[in-house]
Amino acid sequence: MLRSVIIATTLLFAAGATQAQALDGRLKKIAAAKTIAIAYRTDAVPFSFSAPDKSADGYSVDICKRLVYSLQRQINVPELHIKWVPVTLQTRFDAVANGTADMECGASSVTLSRMKLVDFSNYVFVETTGLMIKRSSDIRATPDLAGKKIVVVAGSSNETAVTALLKRREIASTIIPAKTREEAFAIFEDGRADVFASDKLLLLGAANKAKDPGSLVLLGDELSLEPYAIVLPRGDASFRLAVNTGLAQLFGSGEIVSLYKTWFGTLGPMDALNQANYVLNSIPE
């Protein structure tokens, strides 16, 4: 009798556990299709870009590849096929919101206004908005921006940061909006703008492709904090938890340090902001 009660109780708990782990939302869709659609920016070097062979590459892309392995274990699917979906600065959030992609792995900063359309994972990197000038320029600090032309990518958080800075400091500058990062850099490089404002590492990535990289320098000013995260569908708590579980495993294992060195090792030791981010997001089970 006692043995029967124990067996029945065990089966009851097992059934409850199975029910508790039942998949819903994007996880259910991904498990059924055995495919996950990942959007990636083609122009956000070194975070997300198209390699010479047209494959997705970059720091954020590498993180998402590792997340897929974690998701396979979590939803008990032996292998998930990755469908890579190229997106632009303008289409990245819509791709996730309308279901074209399950997540976006690029250089997307978390903002409250964006949370009205999509959700975000825990932070995967912490950046700042910076200013790039030509070495021959007479610009040395923020006050020198008066009367200058500043090119930014339209609709970016960098544009918001620059606009706020100029208003706060009462500096009269002209903001030139560009459609893409390539267009913005071209405007800056050929002299139609005195300054290019963007995330600092994206500026360095753009400078590497310049005709004369040595002629370009970054100012020391940091205009805003830009916390990057993986873009997720809004209102899907189970999927967000699964992604954050994978990130916690990645950060906790220390493998994230190897990824950081791979993509940013030439820039020197890891900065304090990202060290803190990796520790804080190594969330225990």
Protein backbone atom coordinates (compact mmCIF):
# COMPACT_ATOMS: atom_id res chain seq x y z
CA MET A 1 0.00 0.00 0.00
CA LEU A 2 2.76 2.39 1.05
CA ARG A 3 4.68 1.50 -2.11
CA SER A 4 1.60 2.32 -4.23
CA VAL A 5 1.18 5.67 -2.51
CA ILE A 6 4.85 6.52 -3.12
CA ILE A 7 4.59 5.57 -6.80
CA ALA A 8 1.38 7.54 -7.22
CA THR A 9 2.89 10.57 -5.50
CA THR A 10 6.02 10.37 -7.65
CA LEU A 11 3.96 10.18 -10.82
CA LEU A 12 1.86 13.14 -9.66
CA PHE A 13 4.93 15.28 -9.08
CA ALA A 14 6.40 14.16 -12.41
CA ALA A 15 3.18 15.11 -14.20
CA GLY A 16 3.18 18.46 -12.44
CA ALA A 17 6.79 19.10 -13.43
CA THR A 18 6.06 18.19 -17.05
CA GLN A 19 3.06 20.49 -17.09
CA ALA A 20 5.10 23.29 -15.48
CA GLN A 21 7.68 22.94 -18.24
CA ALA A 22 5.12 22.90 -21.05
CA LEU A 23 6.24 25.22 -23.82
CA ASP A 24 4.32 28.28 -24.94
CA GLY A 25 4.83 31.36 -27.11
CA ARG A 26 7.97 31.50 -29.22
CA LEU A 27 9.51 28.50 -27.44
CA LYS A 28 6.63 26.29 -28.58
CA LYS A 29 6.95 27.61 -32.14
CA ILE A 30 10.73 27.13 -32.16
CA ALA A 31 10.49 23.58 -30.77
CA ALA A 32 7.82 22.57 -33.29
CA ALA A 33 9.76 23.94 -36.27
CA LYS A 34 13.18 22.94 -34.87
CA THR A 35 14.25 26.29 -36.27
CA ILE A 36 15.03 29.65 -34.70
CA ALA A 37 15.06 32.85 -36.76
CA ILE A 38 17.76 35.27 -35.64
CA ALA A 39 17.92 38.79 -37.02
CA TYR A 40 21.33 40.41 -37.29
CA ARG A 41 22.62 43.79 -38.36
CA THR A 42 24.83 43.64 -41.43
CA ASP A 43 26.69 46.88 -40.66
CA ALA A 44 27.36 46.99 -36.91
CA VAL A 45 31.04 45.96 -36.82
CA PRO A 46 32.31 44.41 -34.52
CA PHE A 47 29.03 43.39 -32.91
CA SER A 48 27.04 42.17 -35.88
CA PHE A 49 27.94 42.20 -39.56
CA SER A 50 28.11 40.22 -42.78
CA ALA A 51 31.44 38.44 -43.19
CA PRO A 52 33.10 38.25 -46.64
CA ASP A 53 31.34 34.92 -47.25
CA LYS A 54 28.01 36.65 -46.39
CA SER A 55 27.61 34.71 -43.13
CA ALA A 56 26.59 36.45 -39.89
CA ASP A 57 29.53 37.32 -37.66
CA GLY A 58 30.40 39.45 -34.64
CA TYR A 59 30.42 39.54 -30.85
CA SER A 60 26.61 39.60 -30.47
CA VAL A 61 26.21 36.92 -33.15
CA ASP A 62 28.65 34.66 -31.29
CA ILE A 63 26.65 35.13 -28.09
CA CYS A 64 23.45 34.16 -29.86
CA LYS A 65 25.04 31.06 -31.38
CA ARG A 66 25.86 29.93 -27.85
CA LEU A 67 22.35 30.78 -26.69
CA VAL A 68 20.98 28.41 -29.31
CA TYR A 69 22.91 25.53 -27.71
CA SER A 70 21.40 26.44 -24.35
CA LEU A 71 17.89 26.67 -25.81
CA GLN A 72 18.29 23.22 -27.38
CA ARG A 73 18.88 21.74 -23.95
CA GLN A 74 16.16 23.76 -22.28
CA ILE A 75 13.40 22.80 -24.73
CA ASN A 76 14.80 19.29 -25.33
CA VAL A 77 15.39 19.63 -29.07
CA PRO A 78 18.58 17.84 -30.23
CA GLU A 79 19.42 20.45 -32.84
CA LEU A 80 17.96 23.80 -33.78
CA HIS A 81 18.50 25.11 -37.31
CA ILE A 82 19.34 28.83 -37.36
CA LYS A 83 17.65 30.96 -40.00
CA TRP A 84 19.66 34.18 -40.23
CA VAL A 85 17.57 37.26 -41.05
CA PRO A 86 19.54 40.36 -42.15
CA VAL A 87 18.02 43.62 -40.85
CA THR A 88 18.84 47.30 -40.87
CA LEU A 89 18.81 49.94 -38.17
CA GLN A 90 15.28 50.81 -39.26
CA THR A 91 13.83 47.26 -39.54
CA ARG A 92 15.47 45.43 -36.60
CA PHE A 93 12.67 45.96 -34.05
CA ASP A 94 9.80 45.38 -36.47
CA ALA A 95 11.35 42.07 -37.54
CA VAL A 96 10.99 40.76 -33.98
CA ALA A 97 7.67 42.44 -33.25
CA ASN A 98 5.97 41.00 -36.36
CA GLY A 99 7.44 37.51 -35.99
CA THR A 100 9.86 37.57 -38.93
CA ALA A 101 12.63 36.88 -36.39
CA ASP A 102 12.50 35.37 -32.92
CA MET A 103 15.31 37.59 -31.64
CA GLU A 104 17.74 40.21 -32.87
CA CYS A 105 21.45 40.03 -32.15
CA GLY A 106 23.21 43.27 -32.99
CA ALA A 107 24.03 46.53 -31.25
CA SER A 108 20.61 47.53 -29.95
CA SER A 109 20.46 49.77 -26.90
CA VAL A 110 17.71 49.29 -24.36
CA THR A 111 15.41 52.32 -24.04
CA LEU A 112 11.99 52.83 -22.48
CA SER A 113 10.47 53.98 -25.76
CA ARG A 114 11.65 50.82 -27.53
CA MET A 115 10.07 48.70 -24.79
CA LYS A 116 6.69 49.81 -26.12
CA LEU A 117 7.35 47.68 -29.22
CA VAL A 118 9.72 44.90 -28.09
CA ASP A 119 11.30 43.40 -25.01
CA PHE A 120 14.98 42.89 -24.18
CA SER A 121 17.20 40.30 -22.56
CA ASN A 122 19.61 41.14 -19.76
CA TYR A 123 22.48 43.30 -20.95
CA VAL A 124 25.13 41.67 -23.14
CA PHE A 125 27.43 44.71 -23.42
CA VAL A 126 27.65 48.26 -22.10
CA GLU A 127 28.71 50.97 -24.54
CA THR A 128 28.77 54.78 -24.63
CA THR A 129 28.06 57.36 -27.31
CA GLY A 130 31.26 58.96 -28.55
CA LEU A 131 32.43 61.57 -31.04
CA MET A 132 34.90 60.98 -33.86
CA ILE A 133 36.83 63.85 -35.44
CA LYS A 134 39.68 64.24 -37.86
CA ARG A 135 43.10 64.70 -36.28
CA SER A 136 43.47 68.00 -38.14
CA SER A 137 40.27 69.38 -36.56
CA ASP A 138 40.29 72.21 -34.02
CA ILE A 139 37.70 70.34 -31.92
CA ARG A 140 39.15 69.22 -28.58
CA ALA A 141 36.15 69.15 -26.25
CA THR A 142 32.36 69.51 -26.20
CA PRO A 143 32.30 73.37 -26.24
CA ASP A 144 34.23 73.29 -29.53
CA LEU A 145 31.19 71.76 -31.23
CA ALA A 146 29.67 75.24 -31.58
CA GLY A 147 29.14 76.04 -35.24
CA LYS A 148 30.14 72.53 -36.32
CA LYS A 149 28.22 69.90 -38.29
CA ILE A 150 27.56 66.57 -36.56
CA VAL A 151 26.39 63.55 -38.54
CA VAL A 152 24.37 60.81 -36.79
CA VAL A 153 22.24 57.90 -37.93
CA ALA A 154 18.64 59.09 -37.92
CA GLY A 155 16.44 57.46 -35.29
CA SER A 156 19.37 56.11 -33.28
CA SER A 157 19.85 56.57 -29.55
CA ASN A 158 23.01 58.48 -30.49
CA GLU A 159 20.91 61.12 -32.22
CA THR A 160 18.87 61.49 -29.03
CA ALA A 161 22.06 61.80 -26.94
CA VAL A 162 23.62 64.44 -29.20
CA THR A 163 20.41 66.48 -29.35
CA ALA A 164 20.10 66.40 -25.56
CA LEU A 165 23.74 67.42 -25.09
CA LEU A 166 23.50 70.40 -27.42
CA LYS A 167 20.29 71.57 -25.76
CA ARG A 168 21.66 71.10 -22.24
CA ARG A 169 24.93 72.91 -22.97
CA GLU A 170 23.25 75.52 -25.22
CA ILE A 171 25.60 74.74 -28.08
CA ALA A 172 24.56 75.82 -31.58
CA SER A 173 25.54 72.97 -33.91
CA THR A 174 23.96 71.47 -37.01
CA ILE A 175 22.84 67.84 -36.84
CA ILE A 176 22.96 65.97 -40.15
CA PRO A 177 20.78 62.84 -40.12
CA ALA A 178 21.93 59.89 -42.24
CA LYS A 179 19.93 56.82 -43.22
CA THR A 180 22.68 54.28 -42.54
CA ARG A 181 26.01 54.02 -40.74
CA GLU A 182 27.83 53.75 -44.08
CA GLU A 183 26.17 56.94 -45.31
CA ALA A 184 26.98 58.73 -42.06
CA PHE A 185 30.64 57.75 -42.23
CA ALA A 186 30.88 58.76 -45.90
CA ILE A 187 29.45 62.21 -45.06
CA PHE A 188 32.02 62.56 -42.27
CA GLU A 189 34.98 61.21 -44.22
CA ASP A 190 34.50 63.44 -47.26
CA GLY A 191 34.20 66.57 -45.11
CA ARG A 192 30.49 67.32 -45.25
CA ALA A 193 30.40 66.92 -41.45
CA ASP A 194 33.00 67.79 -38.83
CA VAL A 195 31.98 65.10 -36.34
CA PHE A 196 30.54 61.59 -36.48
CA ALA A 197 28.57 60.61 -33.37
CA SER A 198 27.88 56.94 -32.67
CA ASP A 199 28.66 54.14 -30.21
CA LYS A 200 32.39 54.21 -29.57
CA LEU A 201 33.25 50.72 -30.74
CA LEU A 202 31.09 51.15 -33.83
CA LEU A 203 33.09 54.31 -34.57
CA LEU A 204 36.31 52.33 -34.28
CA GLY A 205 34.86 49.64 -36.53
CA ALA A 206 33.99 52.25 -39.15
CA ALA A 207 37.40 53.90 -38.85
CA ASN A 208 39.14 50.62 -39.67
CA LYS A 209 37.59 50.84 -43.13
CA ALA A 210 38.62 54.46 -43.68
CA LYS A 211 40.98 55.56 -46.43
CA ASP A 212 43.34 56.87 -43.75
CA PRO A 213 42.47 55.38 -40.32
CA GLY A 214 45.35 57.22 -38.68
CA SER A 215 43.76 60.57 -39.49
CA LEU A 216 40.75 59.86 -37.27
CA VAL A 217 40.54 60.12 -33.47
CA LEU A 218 37.93 59.75 -30.74
CA LEU A 219 37.25 62.53 -28.28
CA GLY A 220 37.29 61.60 -24.60
CA ASP A 221 33.69 62.75 -24.11
CA GLU A 222 31.03 60.11 -23.42
CA LEU A 223 27.59 61.47 -24.20
CA SER A 224 25.38 58.62 -23.01
CA LEU A 225 25.31 55.10 -21.66
CA GLU A 226 24.27 52.53 -24.27
CA PRO A 227 23.39 49.15 -22.69
CA TYR A 228 23.09 46.53 -25.44
CA ALA A 229 20.71 43.59 -25.18
CA ILE A 230 19.15 40.94 -27.37
CA VAL A 231 15.84 42.11 -28.78
CA LEU A 232 12.95 39.80 -27.90
CA PRO A 233 9.20 39.69 -28.53
CA ARG A 234 7.18 41.72 -26.07
CA GLY A 235 5.12 39.88 -23.47
CA ASP A 236 6.76 36.45 -23.82
CA ALA A 237 8.06 35.79 -20.31
CA SER A 238 8.99 32.14 -20.94
CA PHE A 239 11.17 32.97 -23.93
CA ARG A 240 12.84 35.86 -22.10
CA LEU A 241 13.58 33.59 -19.13
CA ALA A 242 15.08 30.93 -21.43
CA VAL A 243 17.33 33.50 -23.11
CA ASN A 244 18.42 35.00 -19.78
CA THR A 245 19.10 31.50 -18.49
CA GLY A 246 21.45 30.95 -21.41
CA LEU A 247 23.15 34.30 -20.79
CA ALA A 248 23.59 33.51 -17.08
CA GLN A 249 25.23 30.20 -18.02
CA LEU A 250 27.52 31.94 -20.51
CA PHE A 251 28.53 34.70 -18.10
CA GLY A 252 28.89 32.35 -15.15
CA SER A 253 31.09 29.89 -17.04
CA GLY A 254 33.65 32.56 -17.86
CA GLU A 255 33.39 31.83 -21.58
CA ILE A 256 32.21 35.39 -22.11
CA VAL A 257 35.75 36.55 -21.25
CA SER A 258 37.12 34.57 -24.21
CA LEU A 259 34.50 36.13 -26.50
CA TYR A 260 35.38 39.58 -25.24
CA LYS A 261 39.09 38.99 -25.88
CA THR A 262 38.34 37.67 -29.37
CA TRP A 263 36.49 40.80 -30.42
CA PHE A 264 37.91 43.56 -28.21
CA GLY A 265 41.23 42.22 -26.91
CA THR A 266 43.28 44.61 -29.04
CA LEU A 267 41.64 47.55 -27.24
CA GLY A 268 43.14 46.59 -23.89
CA PRO A 269 41.79 45.06 -20.66
CA MET A 270 38.05 44.73 -20.12
CA ASP A 271 36.54 47.96 -18.79
CA ALA A 272 34.88 48.16 -15.37
CA LEU A 273 31.36 48.58 -16.78
CA ASN A 274 31.43 45.29 -18.66
CA GLN A 275 33.18 43.46 -15.85
CA ALA A 276 30.36 44.50 -13.54
CA ASN A 277 27.72 43.60 -16.12
CA TYR A 278 29.02 40.05 -16.57
CA VAL A 279 29.20 39.48 -12.81
CA LEU A 280 25.74 40.91 -12.09
CA ASN A 281 24.12 38.87 -14.85
CA SER A 282 25.71 35.57 -13.80
CA ILE A 283 22.38 34.83 -12.14
CA PRO A 284 22.28 31.59 -10.10
CA GLU A 285 19.63 28.90 -10.63
